[in-house]
Amino acid sequence: MTEGWIKIFSSNEEYQVKIAEDVLKQNGIESHIVKHPDSAFPSLGEAALYTVPEKAVRAREVLAENEVK
């Protein structure tokens, strides 16, 4: 992932972030998942989805249209 990408979605449930990534991919929007594991329990923690700035607004719209929360 390059600098300047914008976080458009996050969750403590990694599967939700993967669903969001798939929805964006189906709509031609490039995205990337970044995991932030908990220091005490690495299997826990937040996962965040990022995209390029010029597609961030459309990505949020697509997620809302598909009721990805």
N, C-alpha and C. Protein backbone atom coordinates (compact mmCIF):
# COMPACT_ATOMS: atom_id res chain seq x y z
N MET A 1 0.85 -1.18 0.00
CA MET A 1 0.00 0.00 0.00
C MET A 1 0.90 1.24 0.00
N THR A 2 0.51 2.21 -0.78
CA THR A 2 1.32 3.41 -0.87
C THR A 2 0.80 4.49 0.08
N GLU A 3 1.61 5.49 0.28
CA GLU A 3 1.23 6.61 1.15
C GLU A 3 0.05 7.38 0.59
N GLY A 4 -0.74 7.94 1.48
CA GLY A 4 -1.83 8.77 1.04
C GLY A 4 -3.16 8.05 0.90
N TRP A 5 -3.17 6.72 1.05
CA TRP A 5 -4.42 5.99 0.96
C TRP A 5 -5.31 6.37 2.14
N ILE A 6 -6.62 6.27 1.95
CA ILE A 6 -7.59 6.71 2.95
C ILE A 6 -8.35 5.52 3.52
N LYS A 7 -8.50 5.50 4.85
CA LYS A 7 -9.27 4.44 5.50
C LYS A 7 -10.75 4.69 5.24
N ILE A 8 -11.42 3.68 4.70
CA ILE A 8 -12.84 3.84 4.38
C ILE A 8 -13.74 2.92 5.19
N PHE A 9 -13.15 1.93 5.86
CA PHE A 9 -13.95 0.99 6.62
C PHE A 9 -13.05 0.28 7.61
N SER A 10 -13.59 -0.04 8.79
CA SER A 10 -12.83 -0.83 9.76
C SER A 10 -13.79 -1.62 10.64
N SER A 11 -13.26 -2.68 11.21
CA SER A 11 -14.05 -3.53 12.09
C SER A 11 -13.11 -4.39 12.93
N ASN A 12 -13.62 -4.83 14.07
CA ASN A 12 -12.87 -5.80 14.88
C ASN A 12 -13.07 -7.21 14.33
N GLU A 13 -14.00 -7.37 13.40
CA GLU A 13 -14.27 -8.66 12.77
C GLU A 13 -13.66 -8.65 11.36
N GLU A 14 -12.59 -9.40 11.19
CA GLU A 14 -11.87 -9.39 9.91
C GLU A 14 -12.76 -9.82 8.74
N TYR A 15 -13.67 -10.75 8.98
CA TYR A 15 -14.53 -11.21 7.88
C TYR A 15 -15.38 -10.08 7.31
N GLN A 16 -15.79 -9.11 8.16
CA GLN A 16 -16.57 -7.98 7.68
C GLN A 16 -15.75 -7.10 6.75
N VAL A 17 -14.49 -6.94 7.07
CA VAL A 17 -13.60 -6.13 6.23
C VAL A 17 -13.36 -6.85 4.90
N LYS A 18 -13.24 -8.17 4.94
CA LYS A 18 -13.06 -8.93 3.70
C LYS A 18 -14.30 -8.85 2.82
N ILE A 19 -15.48 -8.86 3.42
CA ILE A 19 -16.71 -8.69 2.65
C ILE A 19 -16.71 -7.32 1.97
N ALA A 20 -16.34 -6.29 2.72
CA ALA A 20 -16.28 -4.94 2.16
C ALA A 20 -15.28 -4.88 1.01
N GLU A 21 -14.14 -5.52 1.17
CA GLU A 21 -13.12 -5.55 0.12
C GLU A 21 -13.68 -6.23 -1.13
N ASP A 22 -14.40 -7.33 -0.95
CA ASP A 22 -14.99 -8.05 -2.10
C ASP A 22 -16.02 -7.19 -2.82
N VAL A 23 -16.86 -6.49 -2.07
CA VAL A 23 -17.87 -5.61 -2.67
C VAL A 23 -17.19 -4.53 -3.51
N LEU A 24 -16.14 -3.94 -2.98
CA LEU A 24 -15.42 -2.91 -3.73
C LEU A 24 -14.77 -3.49 -4.99
N LYS A 25 -14.19 -4.67 -4.85
CA LYS A 25 -13.54 -5.32 -5.99
C LYS A 25 -14.55 -5.57 -7.11
N GLN A 26 -15.76 -6.01 -6.74
CA GLN A 26 -16.81 -6.27 -7.73
C GLN A 26 -17.23 -4.98 -8.45
N ASN A 27 -16.96 -3.84 -7.81
CA ASN A 27 -17.31 -2.55 -8.40
C ASN A 27 -16.09 -1.83 -8.98
N GLY A 28 -15.00 -2.55 -9.14
CA GLY A 28 -13.81 -2.01 -9.78
C GLY A 28 -13.03 -1.00 -8.94
N ILE A 29 -13.17 -1.10 -7.63
CA ILE A 29 -12.46 -0.17 -6.74
C ILE A 29 -11.36 -0.93 -6.01
N GLU A 30 -10.15 -0.49 -6.23
CA GLU A 30 -8.98 -1.10 -5.59
C GLU A 30 -8.97 -0.75 -4.10
N SER A 31 -8.69 -1.76 -3.27
CA SER A 31 -8.59 -1.52 -1.83
C SER A 31 -7.57 -2.47 -1.23
N HIS A 32 -7.22 -2.20 0.02
CA HIS A 32 -6.19 -3.00 0.70
C HIS A 32 -6.54 -3.09 2.17
N ILE A 33 -6.43 -4.30 2.74
CA ILE A 33 -6.70 -4.52 4.16
C ILE A 33 -5.41 -4.39 4.96
N VAL A 34 -5.49 -3.66 6.07
CA VAL A 34 -4.38 -3.55 7.01
C VAL A 34 -4.88 -4.02 8.36
N LYS A 35 -4.17 -4.98 8.94
CA LYS A 35 -4.56 -5.52 10.24
C LYS A 35 -3.75 -4.84 11.34
N HIS A 36 -4.43 -4.55 12.45
CA HIS A 36 -3.79 -3.95 13.62
C HIS A 36 -4.04 -4.88 14.80
N PRO A 37 -3.21 -5.92 14.97
CA PRO A 37 -3.45 -6.90 16.02
C PRO A 37 -3.30 -6.31 17.42
N ASP A 38 -4.04 -6.87 18.34
CA ASP A 38 -3.94 -6.51 19.75
C ASP A 38 -2.59 -7.00 20.25
N SER A 39 -1.90 -6.22 21.07
CA SER A 39 -0.57 -6.62 21.53
C SER A 39 -0.62 -7.83 22.46
N ALA A 40 -1.68 -7.98 23.22
CA ALA A 40 -1.79 -9.11 24.14
C ALA A 40 -2.35 -10.35 23.46
N PHE A 41 -3.25 -10.15 22.50
CA PHE A 41 -3.89 -11.26 21.79
C PHE A 41 -3.83 -10.99 20.29
N PRO A 42 -2.76 -11.42 19.63
CA PRO A 42 -2.58 -11.12 18.21
C PRO A 42 -3.72 -11.56 17.29
N SER A 43 -4.51 -12.55 17.71
CA SER A 43 -5.62 -12.98 16.87
C SER A 43 -6.79 -12.00 16.94
N LEU A 44 -6.73 -11.07 17.89
CA LEU A 44 -7.76 -10.05 18.03
C LEU A 44 -7.22 -8.72 17.54
N GLY A 45 -8.10 -7.78 17.34
CA GLY A 45 -7.68 -6.44 16.93
C GLY A 45 -8.48 -5.96 15.75
N GLU A 46 -8.16 -4.77 15.30
CA GLU A 46 -8.91 -4.13 14.23
C GLU A 46 -8.29 -4.44 12.86
N ALA A 47 -9.16 -4.56 11.88
CA ALA A 47 -8.73 -4.63 10.48
C ALA A 47 -9.35 -3.43 9.80
N ALA A 48 -8.59 -2.77 8.95
CA ALA A 48 -9.07 -1.57 8.26
C ALA A 48 -8.90 -1.73 6.76
N LEU A 49 -9.80 -1.09 6.03
CA LEU A 49 -9.78 -1.15 4.57
C LEU A 49 -9.45 0.24 4.03
N TYR A 50 -8.47 0.30 3.15
CA TYR A 50 -7.99 1.56 2.58
C TYR A 50 -8.16 1.55 1.07
N THR A 51 -8.32 2.75 0.51
CA THR A 51 -8.33 2.91 -0.94
C THR A 51 -7.65 4.23 -1.31
N VAL A 52 -7.45 4.42 -2.60
CA VAL A 52 -6.79 5.64 -3.08
C VAL A 52 -7.75 6.82 -2.88
N PRO A 53 -7.21 8.02 -2.63
CA PRO A 53 -8.05 9.18 -2.35
C PRO A 53 -9.11 9.48 -3.40
N GLU A 54 -8.78 9.33 -4.68
CA GLU A 54 -9.74 9.67 -5.73
C GLU A 54 -10.93 8.70 -5.82
N LYS A 55 -10.85 7.57 -5.13
CA LYS A 55 -11.96 6.61 -5.14
C LYS A 55 -12.64 6.47 -3.78
N ALA A 56 -12.19 7.23 -2.79
CA ALA A 56 -12.70 7.07 -1.43
C ALA A 56 -14.19 7.39 -1.33
N VAL A 57 -14.64 8.47 -1.94
CA VAL A 57 -16.06 8.85 -1.86
C VAL A 57 -16.92 7.78 -2.50
N ARG A 58 -16.54 7.35 -3.70
CA ARG A 58 -17.32 6.32 -4.39
C ARG A 58 -17.30 5.00 -3.61
N ALA A 59 -16.17 4.67 -3.01
CA ALA A 59 -16.06 3.44 -2.22
C ALA A 59 -17.03 3.46 -1.05
N ARG A 60 -17.12 4.58 -0.36
CA ARG A 60 -18.06 4.70 0.77
C ARG A 60 -19.51 4.60 0.28
N GLU A 61 -19.79 5.18 -0.88
CA GLU A 61 -21.13 5.09 -1.46
C GLU A 61 -21.49 3.64 -1.78
N VAL A 62 -20.55 2.93 -2.39
CA VAL A 62 -20.78 1.53 -2.76
C VAL A 62 -21.04 0.68 -1.51
N LEU A 63 -20.25 0.91 -0.47
CA LEU A 63 -20.44 0.16 0.77
C LEU A 63 -21.80 0.46 1.38
N ALA A 64 -22.21 1.71 1.36
CA ALA A 64 -23.52 2.09 1.90
C ALA A 64 -24.64 1.48 1.07
N GLU A 65 -24.52 1.52 -0.25
CA GLU A 65 -25.53 0.95 -1.14
C GLU A 65 -25.70 -0.55 -0.91
N ASN A 66 -24.61 -1.21 -0.54
CA ASN A 66 -24.64 -2.65 -0.31
C ASN A 66 -24.81 -3.00 1.16
N GLU A 67 -25.11 -1.99 1.96
CA GLU A 67 -25.36 -2.14 3.39
C GLU A 67 -24.25 -2.88 4.12
N VAL A 68 -23.02 -2.56 3.76
CA VAL A 68 -21.85 -3.11 4.45
C VAL A 68 -21.57 -2.20 5.63
N LYS A 69 -21.71 -2.77 6.82
CA LYS A 69 -21.53 -1.97 8.05
C LYS A 69 -20.60 -2.65 9.01
